Amino acid sequence: MAQTITNQSQVSFSYAGTTDIKTNTSNIVTTTMNDRLSIEVDKTSTTECFRPGEIIIYFVHIKNTGCQCLGRFLVSDNLCDNDVTYVEGSARLYIGGSMHMVTPTSISPLEFELTEQLSREEEMFLQYTVTVASNSEAEQITNHVCVEAYPCSCRCGENSSECIKESACLTLDRCQYAEVLITKSNTRDNICCGDELDYFITLTNTGNIDATNVVVTDAMPATFTATEVHMENNGEHYQFLPGEYSIDANNLLTVPVLGGRAILVPSLKPGYDNTTRLRIHGHV
């Protein structure tokens, strides 16, 4: 551990007309004496929270805070017990103003053996990308990274007691969000003039917060005349009144309009369906 060295001076003096000895004391100055072997490790990411199925870019900052040159770095990341997966070919090392690709020597756990050397006060950044499992139910993702290093003068397999280790962890909370996906289908592939036809619009919320203020627009075919608009969610059915939706001169359907029945697309939670379905009934 680094030590703090303090130092203070004192002056004594006299002057004509007095026999007293005066004394004054200086301010205290401090100096930090670094350890012979020491590293500083920090882990950050480009995001403050995570979403299932999306990526996280991690940065591991390694700085030589000791007095001796360090090399033979081993960086290990537990990847949060398989909640995240390393993206192949994403690792980059930034050192001395340059960047180059690096390849892990192991995927589980994720490990990098770095041959670069760091002199006193020098630093480097290891960047890599992971993907969060699409089916992850975790509320938090905590990654632990451990860094080992040896003195540059230490030959491989010699003086293993000279190894210096430091670790860091980063915790990301699950993002609070709504994400509404939309798909469309119809009841018939082949129709004749005058036939009835239903269009279905399925709204799916893949987030963990209910989606509100939902407005759906549908550029319907010019040959299609809509006569009814229905909504279904969690077994509840509702038929929109004519004044709760609009169809303009270009046959663009908007539902709901101001004052119409609100559309809610719930988040996925136990006992609830995270989809809302619209049925547009009409004829051609």
C-alpha atoms as a PDB file:
ATOM      1  CA  MET A   1       0.000   0.000   0.000  1.00  0.00           C
ATOM      2  CA  ALA A   2       1.252   3.495  -0.853  1.00  0.00           C
ATOM      3  CA  GLN A   3       2.609   5.496   2.063  1.00  0.00           C
ATOM      4  CA  THR A   4       2.271   9.199   2.750  1.00  0.00           C
ATOM      5  CA  ILE A   5       5.482  10.967   3.818  1.00  0.00           C
ATOM      6  CA  THR A   6       5.081  14.276   5.614  1.00  0.00           C
ATOM      7  CA  ASN A   7       7.715  16.978   6.154  1.00  0.00           C
ATOM      8  CA  GLN A   8       7.762  20.228   8.110  1.00  0.00           C
ATOM      9  CA  SER A   9      10.491  22.845   8.803  1.00  0.00           C
ATOM     10  CA  GLN A  10      11.139  25.260  11.641  1.00  0.00           C
ATOM     11  CA  VAL A  11      13.117  28.477  11.892  1.00  0.00           C
ATOM     12  CA  SER A  12      14.384  30.242  15.010  1.00  0.00           C
ATOM     13  CA  PHE A  13      15.776  33.776  15.075  1.00  0.00           C
ATOM     14  CA  SER A  14      16.349  36.899  17.123  1.00  0.00           C
ATOM     15  CA  TYR A  15      16.926  40.554  16.357  1.00  0.00           C
ATOM     16  CA  ALA A  16      18.518  43.630  17.891  1.00  0.00           C
ATOM     17  CA  GLY A  17      16.891  44.951  21.000  1.00  0.00           C
ATOM     18  CA  THR A  18      15.669  41.610  22.330  1.00  0.00           C
ATOM     19  CA  THR A  19      17.179  38.539  23.898  1.00  0.00           C
ATOM     20  CA  ASP A  20      14.184  36.362  23.066  1.00  0.00           C
ATOM     21  CA  ILE A  21      14.476  33.604  20.504  1.00  0.00           C
ATOM     22  CA  LYS A  22      11.560  33.596  18.088  1.00  0.00           C
ATOM     23  CA  THR A  23      10.360  30.419  16.387  1.00  0.00           C
ATOM     24  CA  ASN A  24       8.121  29.915  13.362  1.00  0.00           C
ATOM     25  CA  THR A  25       6.953  26.691  11.806  1.00  0.00           C
ATOM     26  CA  SER A  26       6.374  26.026   8.108  1.00  0.00           C
ATOM     27  CA  ASN A  27       3.425  24.405   6.461  1.00  0.00           C
ATOM     28  CA  ILE A  28       3.381  20.610   6.132  1.00  0.00           C
ATOM     29  CA  VAL A  29       4.176  19.121   2.747  1.00  0.00           C
ATOM     30  CA  THR A  30       3.220  15.587   1.817  1.00  0.00           C
ATOM     31  CA  THR A  31       4.654  13.109  -0.646  1.00  0.00           C
ATOM     32  CA  THR A  32       3.163   9.773  -1.631  1.00  0.00           C
ATOM     33  CA  MET A  33       5.611   6.901  -1.819  1.00  0.00           C
ATOM     34  CA  ASN A  34       4.222   4.330  -4.202  1.00  0.00           C
ATOM     35  CA  ASP A  35       4.569   0.617  -3.702  1.00  0.00           C
ATOM     36  CA  ARG A  36       7.206  -1.172  -5.711  1.00  0.00           C
ATOM     37  CA  LEU A  37       4.451  -3.181  -7.452  1.00  0.00           C
ATOM     38  CA  SER A  38       0.984  -1.662  -7.777  1.00  0.00           C
ATOM     39  CA  ILE A  39      -1.790  -1.397 -10.372  1.00  0.00           C
ATOM     40  CA  GLU A  40      -5.064   0.471 -10.530  1.00  0.00           C
ATOM     41  CA  VAL A  41      -8.016  -1.239 -12.237  1.00  0.00           C
ATOM     42  CA  ASP A  42     -11.365   0.296 -13.136  1.00  0.00           C
ATOM     43  CA  LYS A  43     -14.265  -1.023 -15.209  1.00  0.00           C
ATOM     44  CA  THR A  44     -16.862   1.094 -17.010  1.00  0.00           C
ATOM     45  CA  SER A  45     -19.412   0.695 -19.792  1.00  0.00           C
ATOM     46  CA  THR A  46     -21.037   2.852 -22.453  1.00  0.00           C
ATOM     47  CA  THR A  47     -24.494   2.275 -20.924  1.00  0.00           C
ATOM     48  CA  GLU A  48     -25.952   3.002 -17.501  1.00  0.00           C
ATOM     49  CA  CYS A  49     -28.465   0.150 -17.685  1.00  0.00           C
ATOM     50  CA  PHE A  50     -29.074  -2.962 -19.795  1.00  0.00           C
ATOM     51  CA  ARG A  51     -31.813  -4.468 -21.938  1.00  0.00           C
ATOM     52  CA  PRO A  52     -32.166  -8.181 -22.744  1.00  0.00           C
ATOM     53  CA  GLY A  53     -30.942  -8.959 -26.259  1.00  0.00           C
ATOM     54  CA  GLU A  54     -28.866  -5.788 -26.575  1.00  0.00           C
ATOM     55  CA  ILE A  55     -25.110  -5.190 -26.373  1.00  0.00           C
ATOM     56  CA  ILE A  56     -22.895  -3.682 -23.683  1.00  0.00           C
ATOM     57  CA  ILE A  57     -19.450  -2.245 -24.444  1.00  0.00           C
ATOM     58  CA  TYR A  58     -17.058  -2.623 -21.504  1.00  0.00           C
ATOM     59  CA  PHE A  59     -13.797  -0.767 -20.839  1.00  0.00           C
ATOM     60  CA  VAL A  60     -11.135  -2.025 -18.431  1.00  0.00           C
ATOM     61  CA  HIS A  61      -8.689   0.705 -17.437  1.00  0.00           C
ATOM     62  CA  ILE A  62      -5.315  -0.545 -16.184  1.00  0.00           C
ATOM     63  CA  LYS A  63      -2.708   1.846 -14.797  1.00  0.00           C
ATOM     64  CA  ASN A  64       0.725   1.104 -13.340  1.00  0.00           C
ATOM     65  CA  THR A  65       0.748   3.024 -10.050  1.00  0.00           C
ATOM     66  CA  GLY A  66       3.893   1.332  -8.739  1.00  0.00           C
ATOM     67  CA  CYS A  67       7.575   2.034  -9.155  1.00  0.00           C
ATOM     68  CA  GLN A  68       8.545  -0.894 -11.399  1.00  0.00           C
ATOM     69  CA  CYS A  69       7.717  -1.788 -14.971  1.00  0.00           C
ATOM     70  CA  LEU A  70       4.902  -4.362 -15.255  1.00  0.00           C
ATOM     71  CA  GLY A  71       4.103  -6.902 -17.952  1.00  0.00           C
ATOM     72  CA  ARG A  72       2.516 -10.312 -18.637  1.00  0.00           C
ATOM     73  CA  PHE A  73      -0.981  -9.037 -17.902  1.00  0.00           C
ATOM     74  CA  LEU A  74      -3.840 -11.518 -17.476  1.00  0.00           C
ATOM     75  CA  VAL A  75      -7.329  -9.965 -17.576  1.00  0.00           C
ATOM     76  CA  SER A  76     -10.237 -12.225 -16.491  1.00  0.00           C
ATOM     77  CA  ASP A  77     -13.965 -11.414 -16.566  1.00  0.00           C
ATOM     78  CA  ASN A  78     -16.604 -13.785 -15.181  1.00  0.00           C
ATOM     79  CA  LEU A  79     -19.256 -12.455 -17.624  1.00  0.00           C
ATOM     80  CA  CYS A  80     -21.938 -12.503 -14.907  1.00  0.00           C
ATOM     81  CA  ASP A  81     -22.541 -16.255 -14.877  1.00  0.00           C
ATOM     82  CA  ASN A  82     -23.589 -16.480 -18.535  1.00  0.00           C
ATOM     83  CA  ASP A  83     -26.139 -13.634 -18.484  1.00  0.00           C
ATOM     84  CA  VAL A  84     -23.889 -12.044 -21.101  1.00  0.00           C
ATOM     85  CA  THR A  85     -21.893 -13.512 -23.987  1.00  0.00           C
ATOM     86  CA  TYR A  86     -18.680 -12.161 -25.508  1.00  0.00           C
ATOM     87  CA  VAL A  87     -19.021 -10.872 -29.081  1.00  0.00           C
ATOM     88  CA  GLU A  88     -16.271 -12.526 -31.108  1.00  0.00           C
ATOM     89  CA  GLY A  89     -13.761 -10.130 -32.652  1.00  0.00           C
ATOM     90  CA  SER A  90     -14.856  -7.137 -30.559  1.00  0.00           C
ATOM     91  CA  ALA A  91     -11.807  -6.784 -28.262  1.00  0.00           C
ATOM     92  CA  ARG A  92      -9.442  -3.846 -28.762  1.00  0.00           C
ATOM     93  CA  LEU A  93      -6.482  -2.605 -26.749  1.00  0.00           C
ATOM     94  CA  TYR A  94      -5.602   1.089 -26.547  1.00  0.00           C
ATOM     95  CA  ILE A  95      -2.068   1.874 -25.382  1.00  0.00           C
ATOM     96  CA  GLY A  96       0.458   4.590 -26.128  1.00  0.00           C
ATOM     97  CA  GLY A  97      -1.848   6.403 -28.529  1.00  0.00           C
ATOM     98  CA  SER A  98      -2.445   3.351 -30.713  1.00  0.00           C
ATOM     99  CA  MET A  99      -5.117   0.660 -30.982  1.00  0.00           C
ATOM    100  CA  HIS A 100      -4.926  -2.968 -32.039  1.00  0.00           C
ATOM    101  CA  MET A 101      -7.185  -5.998 -31.979  1.00  0.00           C
ATOM    102  CA  VAL A 102      -6.696  -8.662 -29.320  1.00  0.00           C
ATOM    103  CA  THR A 103      -8.024 -12.208 -29.117  1.00  0.00           C
ATOM    104  CA  PRO A 104      -9.111 -13.838 -25.853  1.00  0.00           C
ATOM    105  CA  THR A 105      -7.343 -17.019 -24.781  1.00  0.00           C
ATOM    106  CA  SER A 106     -10.545 -18.233 -23.115  1.00  0.00           C
ATOM    107  CA  ILE A 107     -14.233 -17.416 -23.496  1.00  0.00           C
ATOM    108  CA  SER A 108     -15.635 -18.842 -20.243  1.00  0.00           C
ATOM    109  CA  PRO A 109     -14.349 -17.165 -18.206  1.00  0.00           C
ATOM    110  CA  LEU A 110     -13.313 -14.453 -20.618  1.00  0.00           C
ATOM    111  CA  GLU A 111      -9.522 -14.112 -20.416  1.00  0.00           C
ATOM    112  CA  PHE A 112      -6.943 -12.021 -22.239  1.00  0.00           C
ATOM    113  CA  GLU A 113      -3.177 -12.555 -22.000  1.00  0.00           C
ATOM    114  CA  LEU A 114      -1.524  -9.247 -22.856  1.00  0.00           C
ATOM    115  CA  THR A 115       2.179  -9.044 -23.685  1.00  0.00           C
ATOM    116  CA  GLU A 116       2.328  -5.242 -23.436  1.00  0.00           C
ATOM    117  CA  GLN A 117       4.406  -3.588 -20.726  1.00  0.00           C
ATOM    118  CA  LEU A 118       3.529  -0.575 -18.622  1.00  0.00           C
ATOM    119  CA  SER A 119       6.187   1.648 -17.114  1.00  0.00           C
ATOM    120  CA  ARG A 120       5.507   3.794 -14.092  1.00  0.00           C
ATOM    121  CA  GLU A 121       2.307   5.882 -14.496  1.00  0.00           C
ATOM    122  CA  GLU A 122       1.568   4.362 -17.917  1.00  0.00           C
ATOM    123  CA  GLU A 123      -1.920   3.044 -18.660  1.00  0.00           C
ATOM    124  CA  MET A 124      -3.929   1.056 -21.179  1.00  0.00           C
ATOM    125  CA  PHE A 125      -7.610   0.408 -21.957  1.00  0.00           C
ATOM    126  CA  LEU A 126      -9.095  -2.949 -22.931  1.00  0.00           C
ATOM    127  CA  GLN A 127     -12.441  -2.682 -24.743  1.00  0.00           C
ATOM    128  CA  TYR A 128     -14.791  -5.566 -25.550  1.00  0.00           C
ATOM    129  CA  THR A 129     -18.466  -6.085 -26.359  1.00  0.00           C
ATOM    130  CA  VAL A 130     -20.949  -8.530 -24.857  1.00  0.00           C
ATOM    131  CA  THR A 131     -24.549  -9.428 -25.688  1.00  0.00           C
ATOM    132  CA  VAL A 132     -27.153  -9.755 -22.940  1.00  0.00           C
ATOM    133  CA  ALA A 133     -29.186 -12.969 -23.186  1.00  0.00           C
ATOM    134  CA  SER A 134     -32.559 -12.233 -24.794  1.00  0.00           C
ATOM    135  CA  ASN A 135     -34.285 -14.367 -22.151  1.00  0.00           C
ATOM    136  CA  SER A 136     -32.416 -12.827 -19.211  1.00  0.00           C
ATOM    137  CA  GLU A 137     -34.646 -12.223 -16.200  1.00  0.00           C
ATOM    138  CA  ALA A 138     -31.882 -10.576 -14.177  1.00  0.00           C
ATOM    139  CA  GLU A 139     -32.633  -7.259 -12.517  1.00  0.00           C
ATOM    140  CA  GLN A 140     -28.913  -6.546 -12.261  1.00  0.00           C
ATOM    141  CA  ILE A 141     -25.783  -7.606 -14.112  1.00  0.00           C
ATOM    142  CA  THR A 142     -22.583  -7.481 -12.059  1.00  0.00           C
ATOM    143  CA  ASN A 143     -19.303  -8.247 -13.795  1.00  0.00           C
ATOM    144  CA  HIS A 144     -16.096  -8.874 -11.867  1.00  0.00           C
ATOM    145  CA  VAL A 145     -12.790  -8.324 -13.655  1.00  0.00           C
ATOM    146  CA  CYS A 146      -9.443  -9.410 -12.222  1.00  0.00           C
ATOM    147  CA  VAL A 147      -6.063  -8.250 -13.513  1.00  0.00           C
ATOM    148  CA  GLU A 148      -2.736  -9.960 -12.776  1.00  0.00           C
ATOM    149  CA  ALA A 149       0.702  -8.643 -13.709  1.00  0.00           C
ATOM    150  CA  TYR A 150       4.406  -9.377 -13.101  1.00  0.00           C
ATOM    151  CA  PRO A 151       7.549  -7.248 -13.008  1.00  0.00           C
ATOM    152  CA  CYS A 152       8.988  -6.842 -16.492  1.00  0.00           C
ATOM    153  CA  SER A 153      12.248  -8.407 -15.295  1.00  0.00           C
ATOM    154  CA  CYS A 154      10.460 -11.573 -14.108  1.00  0.00           C
ATOM    155  CA  ARG A 155      10.848 -14.517 -16.499  1.00  0.00           C
ATOM    156  CA  CYS A 156       7.851 -16.795 -17.093  1.00  0.00           C
ATOM    157  CA  GLY A 157       7.450 -19.353 -14.334  1.00  0.00           C
ATOM    158  CA  GLU A 158       9.906 -17.586 -12.053  1.00  0.00           C
ATOM    159  CA  ASN A 159       9.146 -15.739  -8.800  1.00  0.00           C
ATOM    160  CA  SER A 160       5.382 -16.264  -8.901  1.00  0.00           C
ATOM    161  CA  SER A 161       5.184 -14.489  -5.550  1.00  0.00           C
ATOM    162  CA  GLU A 162       5.994 -11.286  -7.431  1.00  0.00           C
ATOM    163  CA  CYS A 163       2.552 -11.388  -9.069  1.00  0.00           C
ATOM    164  CA  ILE A 164       0.409  -8.326  -8.372  1.00  0.00           C
ATOM    165  CA  LYS A 165      -3.392  -8.633  -8.514  1.00  0.00           C
ATOM    166  CA  GLU A 166      -6.204  -6.104  -8.527  1.00  0.00           C
ATOM    167  CA  SER A 167      -9.914  -6.374  -9.317  1.00  0.00           C
ATOM    168  CA  ALA A 168     -12.927  -4.227 -10.044  1.00  0.00           C
ATOM    169  CA  CYS A 169     -16.615  -4.806 -10.579  1.00  0.00           C
ATOM    170  CA  LEU A 170     -19.410  -2.998 -12.391  1.00  0.00           C
ATOM    171  CA  THR A 171     -23.136  -3.358 -11.699  1.00  0.00           C
ATOM    172  CA  LEU A 172     -25.749  -2.367 -14.271  1.00  0.00           C
ATOM    173  CA  ASP A 173     -29.450  -2.277 -13.427  1.00  0.00           C
ATOM    174  CA  ARG A 174     -32.093  -3.472 -15.821  1.00  0.00           C
ATOM    175  CA  CYS A 175     -33.429  -0.528 -17.828  1.00  0.00           C
ATOM    176  CA  GLN A 176     -36.937   0.681 -17.046  1.00  0.00           C
ATOM    177  CA  TYR A 177     -38.539   1.022 -20.470  1.00  0.00           C
ATOM    178  CA  ALA A 178     -41.282   0.056 -22.887  1.00  0.00           C
ATOM    179  CA  GLU A 179     -40.570  -1.214 -26.402  1.00  0.00           C
ATOM    180  CA  VAL A 180     -43.575  -1.875 -28.638  1.00  0.00           C
ATOM    181  CA  LEU A 181     -43.156  -4.130 -31.671  1.00  0.00           C
ATOM    182  CA  ILE A 182     -45.831  -4.239 -34.366  1.00  0.00           C
ATOM    183  CA  THR A 183     -46.822  -7.032 -36.753  1.00  0.00           C
ATOM    184  CA  LYS A 184     -49.715  -7.291 -39.191  1.00  0.00           C
ATOM    185  CA  SER A 185     -51.669 -10.175 -40.691  1.00  0.00           C
ATOM    186  CA  ASN A 186     -54.983 -10.795 -42.458  1.00  0.00           C
ATOM    187  CA  THR A 187     -57.618 -13.526 -42.500  1.00  0.00           C
ATOM    188  CA  ARG A 188     -57.613 -14.306 -46.230  1.00  0.00           C
ATOM    189  CA  ASP A 189     -54.941 -14.539 -48.895  1.00  0.00           C
ATOM    190  CA  ASN A 190     -57.368 -14.527 -51.820  1.00  0.00           C
ATOM    191  CA  ILE A 191     -60.511 -12.415 -52.037  1.00  0.00           C
ATOM    192  CA  CYS A 192     -63.092 -11.233 -54.559  1.00  0.00           C
ATOM    193  CA  CYS A 193     -64.750  -7.866 -54.887  1.00  0.00           C
ATOM    194  CA  GLY A 194     -67.346  -7.482 -52.153  1.00  0.00           C
ATOM    195  CA  ASP A 195     -65.722 -10.011 -49.797  1.00  0.00           C
ATOM    196  CA  GLU A 196     -65.279  -9.259 -46.133  1.00  0.00           C
ATOM    197  CA  LEU A 197     -61.729  -9.049 -44.809  1.00  0.00           C
ATOM    198  CA  ASP A 198     -60.130  -8.647 -41.390  1.00  0.00           C
ATOM    199  CA  TYR A 199     -56.725  -7.111 -40.748  1.00  0.00           C
ATOM    200  CA  PHE A 200     -54.996  -7.877 -37.435  1.00  0.00           C
ATOM    201  CA  ILE A 201     -52.388  -5.599 -35.853  1.00  0.00           C
ATOM    202  CA  THR A 202     -50.465  -7.191 -32.976  1.00  0.00           C
ATOM    203  CA  LEU A 203     -48.614  -4.916 -30.556  1.00  0.00           C
ATOM    204  CA  THR A 204     -46.033  -6.622 -28.319  1.00  0.00           C
ATOM    205  CA  ASN A 205     -44.262  -4.873 -25.436  1.00  0.00           C
ATOM    206  CA  THR A 206     -40.823  -6.369 -24.820  1.00  0.00           C
ATOM    207  CA  GLY A 207     -40.015  -3.868 -22.070  1.00  0.00           C
ATOM    208  CA  ASN A 208     -40.720  -3.995 -18.338  1.00  0.00           C
ATOM    209  CA  ILE A 209     -43.014  -0.941 -18.124  1.00  0.00           C
ATOM    210  CA  ASP A 210     -46.518  -0.658 -19.606  1.00  0.00           C
ATOM    211  CA  ALA A 211     -46.634   1.297 -22.881  1.00  0.00           C
ATOM    212  CA  THR A 212     -49.127   4.161 -22.745  1.00  0.00           C
ATOM    213  CA  ASN A 213     -50.222   6.942 -25.122  1.00  0.00           C
ATOM    214  CA  VAL A 214     -50.186   4.342 -27.902  1.00  0.00           C
ATOM    215  CA  VAL A 215     -51.466   5.534 -31.283  1.00  0.00           C
ATOM    216  CA  VAL A 216     -51.681   3.209 -34.295  1.00  0.00           C
ATOM    217  CA  THR A 217     -51.860   4.389 -37.891  1.00  0.00           C
ATOM    218  CA  ASP A 218     -52.601   2.125 -40.851  1.00  0.00           C
ATOM    219  CA  ALA A 219     -52.376   3.134 -44.501  1.00  0.00           C
ATOM    220  CA  MET A 220     -55.202   0.883 -45.690  1.00  0.00           C
ATOM    221  CA  PRO A 221     -55.590  -0.102 -49.361  1.00  0.00           C
ATOM    222  CA  ALA A 222     -57.785   2.265 -51.365  1.00  0.00           C
ATOM    223  CA  THR A 223     -60.070  -0.649 -52.261  1.00  0.00           C
ATOM    224  CA  PHE A 224     -60.676  -1.557 -48.591  1.00  0.00           C
ATOM    225  CA  THR A 225     -63.501  -0.019 -46.576  1.00  0.00           C
ATOM    226  CA  ALA A 226     -63.155  -0.370 -42.807  1.00  0.00           C
ATOM    227  CA  THR A 227     -66.401  -0.669 -40.883  1.00  0.00           C
ATOM    228  CA  GLU A 228     -65.305  -1.779 -37.393  1.00  0.00           C
ATOM    229  CA  VAL A 229     -62.212  -1.536 -35.182  1.00  0.00           C
ATOM    230  CA  HIS A 230     -61.841  -3.917 -32.218  1.00  0.00           C
ATOM    231  CA  MET A 231     -59.219  -4.258 -29.462  1.00  0.00           C
ATOM    232  CA  GLU A 232     -58.321  -7.290 -27.358  1.00  0.00           C
ATOM    233  CA  ASN A 233     -55.962  -7.666 -24.390  1.00  0.00           C
ATOM    234  CA  ASN A 234     -55.832 -10.226 -21.588  1.00  0.00           C
ATOM    235  CA  GLY A 235     -59.258 -11.579 -22.527  1.00  0.00           C
ATOM    236  CA  GLU A 236     -60.947  -8.181 -22.593  1.00  0.00           C
ATOM    237  CA  HIS A 237     -62.614  -7.031 -25.816  1.00  0.00           C
ATOM    238  CA  TYR A 238     -63.568  -3.526 -26.859  1.00  0.00           C
ATOM    239  CA  GLN A 239     -65.145  -2.140 -30.034  1.00  0.00           C
ATOM    240  CA  PHE A 240     -64.138   1.419 -30.804  1.00  0.00           C
ATOM    241  CA  LEU A 241     -66.968   3.823 -31.496  1.00  0.00           C
ATOM    242  CA  PRO A 242     -66.832   5.659 -34.879  1.00  0.00           C
ATOM    243  CA  GLY A 243     -65.788   8.884 -33.129  1.00  0.00           C
ATOM    244  CA  GLU A 244     -62.843   7.169 -31.378  1.00  0.00           C
ATOM    245  CA  TYR A 245     -60.905   6.591 -34.610  1.00  0.00           C
ATOM    246  CA  SER A 246     -60.522   8.458 -37.876  1.00  0.00           C
ATOM    247  CA  ILE A 247     -60.107   7.551 -41.542  1.00  0.00           C
ATOM    248  CA  ASP A 248     -58.907  10.386 -43.780  1.00  0.00           C
ATOM    249  CA  ALA A 249     -59.316  10.959 -47.516  1.00  0.00           C
ATOM    250  CA  ASN A 250     -56.259   8.775 -48.233  1.00  0.00           C
ATOM    251  CA  ASN A 251     -57.797   5.888 -46.264  1.00  0.00           C
ATOM    252  CA  LEU A 252     -55.320   6.361 -43.412  1.00  0.00           C
ATOM    253  CA  LEU A 253     -56.701   4.903 -40.195  1.00  0.00           C
ATOM    254  CA  THR A 254     -55.691   6.513 -36.878  1.00  0.00           C
ATOM    255  CA  VAL A 255     -56.741   4.881 -33.616  1.00  0.00           C
ATOM    256  CA  PRO A 256     -57.452   6.251 -31.106  1.00  0.00           C
ATOM    257  CA  VAL A 257     -58.065   9.926 -31.750  1.00  0.00           C
ATOM    258  CA  LEU A 258     -58.225  12.520 -28.978  1.00  0.00           C
ATOM    259  CA  GLY A 259     -60.884  11.462 -26.491  1.00  0.00           C
ATOM    260  CA  GLY A 260     -60.989   7.870 -27.741  1.00  0.00           C
ATOM    261  CA  ARG A 261     -60.443   4.738 -25.662  1.00  0.00           C
ATOM    262  CA  ALA A 262     -56.753   4.525 -24.738  1.00  0.00           C
ATOM    263  CA  ILE A 263     -54.625   1.644 -25.997  1.00  0.00           C
ATOM    264  CA  LEU A 264     -52.442   0.034 -23.336  1.00  0.00           C
ATOM    265  CA  VAL A 265     -49.717  -2.486 -24.211  1.00  0.00           C
ATOM    266  CA  PRO A 266     -48.718  -4.095 -20.895  1.00  0.00           C
ATOM    267  CA  SER A 267     -45.245  -5.224 -19.981  1.00  0.00           C
ATOM    268  CA  LEU A 268     -44.539  -8.923 -19.637  1.00  0.00           C
ATOM    269  CA  LYS A 269     -45.251 -10.062 -16.095  1.00  0.00           C
ATOM    270  CA  PRO A 270     -46.580 -13.258 -14.513  1.00  0.00           C
ATOM    271  CA  GLY A 271     -50.215 -13.898 -15.355  1.00  0.00           C
ATOM    272  CA  TYR A 272     -50.441 -11.166 -17.991  1.00  0.00           C
ATOM    273  CA  ASP A 273     -50.224 -11.123 -21.764  1.00  0.00           C
ATOM    274  CA  ASN A 274     -47.813  -8.503 -23.079  1.00  0.00           C
ATOM    275  CA  THR A 275     -49.679  -8.152 -26.379  1.00  0.00           C
ATOM    276  CA  THR A 276     -52.602  -6.030 -27.496  1.00  0.00           C
ATOM    277  CA  ARG A 277     -54.429  -6.980 -30.686  1.00  0.00           C
ATOM    278  CA  LEU A 278     -56.416  -4.740 -32.998  1.00  0.00           C
ATOM    279  CA  ARG A 279     -58.885  -6.174 -35.517  1.00  0.00           C
ATOM    280  CA  ILE A 280     -59.933  -3.983 -38.428  1.00  0.00           C
ATOM    281  CA  HIS A 281     -63.047  -5.402 -40.077  1.00  0.00           C
ATOM    282  CA  GLY A 282     -64.263  -4.297 -43.480  1.00  0.00           C
ATOM    283  CA  HIS A 283     -64.793  -5.294 -47.106  1.00  0.00           C
ATOM    284  CA  VAL A 284     -63.291  -4.766 -50.545  1.00  0.00           C
END
